[in-house]
Amino acid sequence: MTEAVVLVATMVAKPGQEELVERTLTAALPKVHAEPGCLRYALHRKAGTTGVFLMIEKWASPEALGAHMKGAVMREVGAALARALAGAPDMVFLDPIPAGDPDAGAV
């Protein structure tokens, strides 16, 4: 069985672009949630900031994540945010360490 993929993507908006970034990412959520293999796609903001956004993602497989990254929604988001982000998203992939309650102890 293929292992799920968990990652956190951090995006930093350029000054004055925070609203555009939030609006673009929020609008993409329902479309991404409908993609095959999307198990979690949750937008957060770093506490105490206005322009640091984190997307916590969980995909059923590396193939599902790959399809998402190459899909129409991400192309649209990339085009909309090309000039609004301070740099490329920082993507951190996570390896689970199973311990304790399987539901509470894992993303």
Protein backbone atom coordinates (compact mmCIF):
# COMPACT_ATOMS: atom_id res chain seq x y z
CA MET A 1 0.00 0.00 0.00
CA THR A 2 1.29 3.46 -0.89
CA GLU A 3 2.04 5.70 2.06
CA ALA A 4 0.19 9.00 2.34
CA VAL A 5 2.21 12.18 1.79
CA VAL A 6 2.07 14.97 4.38
CA LEU A 7 3.60 18.37 3.80
CA VAL A 8 3.48 21.94 4.99
CA ALA A 9 3.87 24.63 2.35
CA THR A 10 4.78 28.09 3.67
CA MET A 11 4.12 31.14 1.49
CA VAL A 12 5.15 34.68 2.34
CA ALA A 13 3.24 37.54 0.74
CA LYS A 14 5.04 40.66 -0.39
CA PRO A 15 4.01 43.74 1.59
CA GLY A 16 0.65 44.98 0.33
CA GLN A 17 -0.18 41.63 -1.31
CA GLU A 18 -1.51 39.82 1.77
CA GLU A 19 -5.18 40.17 0.83
CA LEU A 20 -4.60 38.92 -2.72
CA VAL A 21 -2.69 35.89 -1.47
CA GLU A 22 -5.35 35.00 1.11
CA ARG A 23 -8.21 35.50 -1.35
CA THR A 24 -6.49 33.39 -4.03
CA LEU A 25 -5.65 30.53 -1.68
CA THR A 26 -9.09 30.55 -0.08
CA ALA A 27 -10.81 30.44 -3.48
CA ALA A 28 -8.72 27.40 -4.47
CA LEU A 29 -9.67 25.33 -1.40
CA PRO A 30 -12.97 23.82 -2.61
CA LYS A 31 -11.44 22.92 -5.97
CA VAL A 32 -8.45 21.21 -4.36
CA HIS A 33 -10.66 19.41 -1.84
CA ALA A 34 -12.44 17.82 -4.83
CA GLU A 35 -9.21 16.52 -6.38
CA PRO A 36 -8.62 12.75 -6.26
CA GLY A 37 -6.45 11.76 -3.31
CA CYS A 38 -6.83 15.00 -1.33
CA LEU A 39 -7.14 13.99 2.32
CA ARG A 40 -6.36 17.38 3.86
CA TYR A 41 -5.71 20.83 2.42
CA ALA A 42 -6.01 23.34 5.23
CA LEU A 43 -4.98 27.00 5.04
CA HIS A 44 -3.54 28.69 8.13
CA ARG A 45 -1.83 31.98 8.88
CA LYS A 46 1.21 32.21 11.13
CA ALA A 47 -0.07 33.68 14.38
CA GLY A 48 0.74 37.33 14.83
CA THR A 49 1.40 37.95 11.13
CA THR A 50 -0.66 39.14 8.19
CA GLY A 51 1.39 37.74 5.33
CA VAL A 52 2.76 34.31 6.27
CA PHE A 53 0.45 31.53 5.09
CA LEU A 54 0.80 27.80 5.68
CA MET A 55 -1.01 25.08 3.80
CA ILE A 56 -1.12 21.80 5.69
CA GLU A 57 -1.61 19.05 3.14
CA LYS A 58 -2.16 15.31 3.17
CA TRP A 59 -2.38 13.31 -0.05
CA ALA A 60 -3.28 9.65 -0.46
CA SER A 61 -0.13 8.98 -2.50
CA PRO A 62 2.85 10.66 -4.14
CA GLU A 63 0.99 10.25 -7.44
CA ALA A 64 -2.03 12.19 -6.13
CA LEU A 65 0.27 14.99 -4.93
CA GLY A 66 2.04 15.02 -8.29
CA ALA A 67 -1.25 15.30 -10.17
CA HIS A 68 -2.29 18.15 -7.85
CA MET A 69 0.97 20.03 -8.38
CA LYS A 70 0.63 19.76 -12.18
CA GLY A 71 -3.13 20.36 -12.25
CA ALA A 72 -5.21 23.26 -13.46
CA VAL A 73 -5.91 24.67 -9.99
CA MET A 74 -2.22 25.00 -9.13
CA ARG A 75 -1.51 26.55 -12.52
CA GLU A 76 -4.21 29.15 -11.81
CA VAL A 77 -2.89 29.80 -8.29
CA GLY A 78 0.68 30.06 -9.56
CA ALA A 79 -0.29 32.58 -12.22
CA ALA A 80 -2.31 34.66 -9.77
CA LEU A 81 0.45 34.72 -7.14
CA ALA A 82 3.51 34.96 -9.41
CA ARG A 83 4.19 38.56 -8.40
CA ALA A 84 2.51 38.51 -4.99
CA LEU A 85 4.82 36.13 -3.12
CA ALA A 86 8.22 37.07 -1.72
CA GLY A 87 9.65 33.81 -3.09
CA ALA A 88 8.82 30.24 -3.96
CA PRO A 89 6.77 28.34 -1.37
CA ASP A 90 8.89 26.50 1.19
CA MET A 91 7.69 22.90 1.13
CA VAL A 92 8.50 20.68 4.11
CA PHE A 93 7.66 16.99 3.73
CA LEU A 94 6.93 15.09 6.94
CA ASP A 95 7.58 11.47 7.91
CA PRO A 96 5.17 10.21 10.55
CA ILE A 97 6.38 8.69 13.81
CA PRO A 98 3.42 6.55 14.90
CA ALA A 99 2.87 6.76 18.64
CA GLY A 100 -0.05 6.98 21.02
CA ASP A 101 -3.58 7.23 19.68
CA PRO A 102 -3.50 6.67 15.90
CA ASP A 103 -6.04 9.45 15.26
CA ALA A 104 -4.66 12.04 17.67
CA GLY A 105 -1.02 11.20 17.01
CA ALA A 106 -0.97 11.71 13.24
CA VAL A 107 -1.96 14.23 10.61
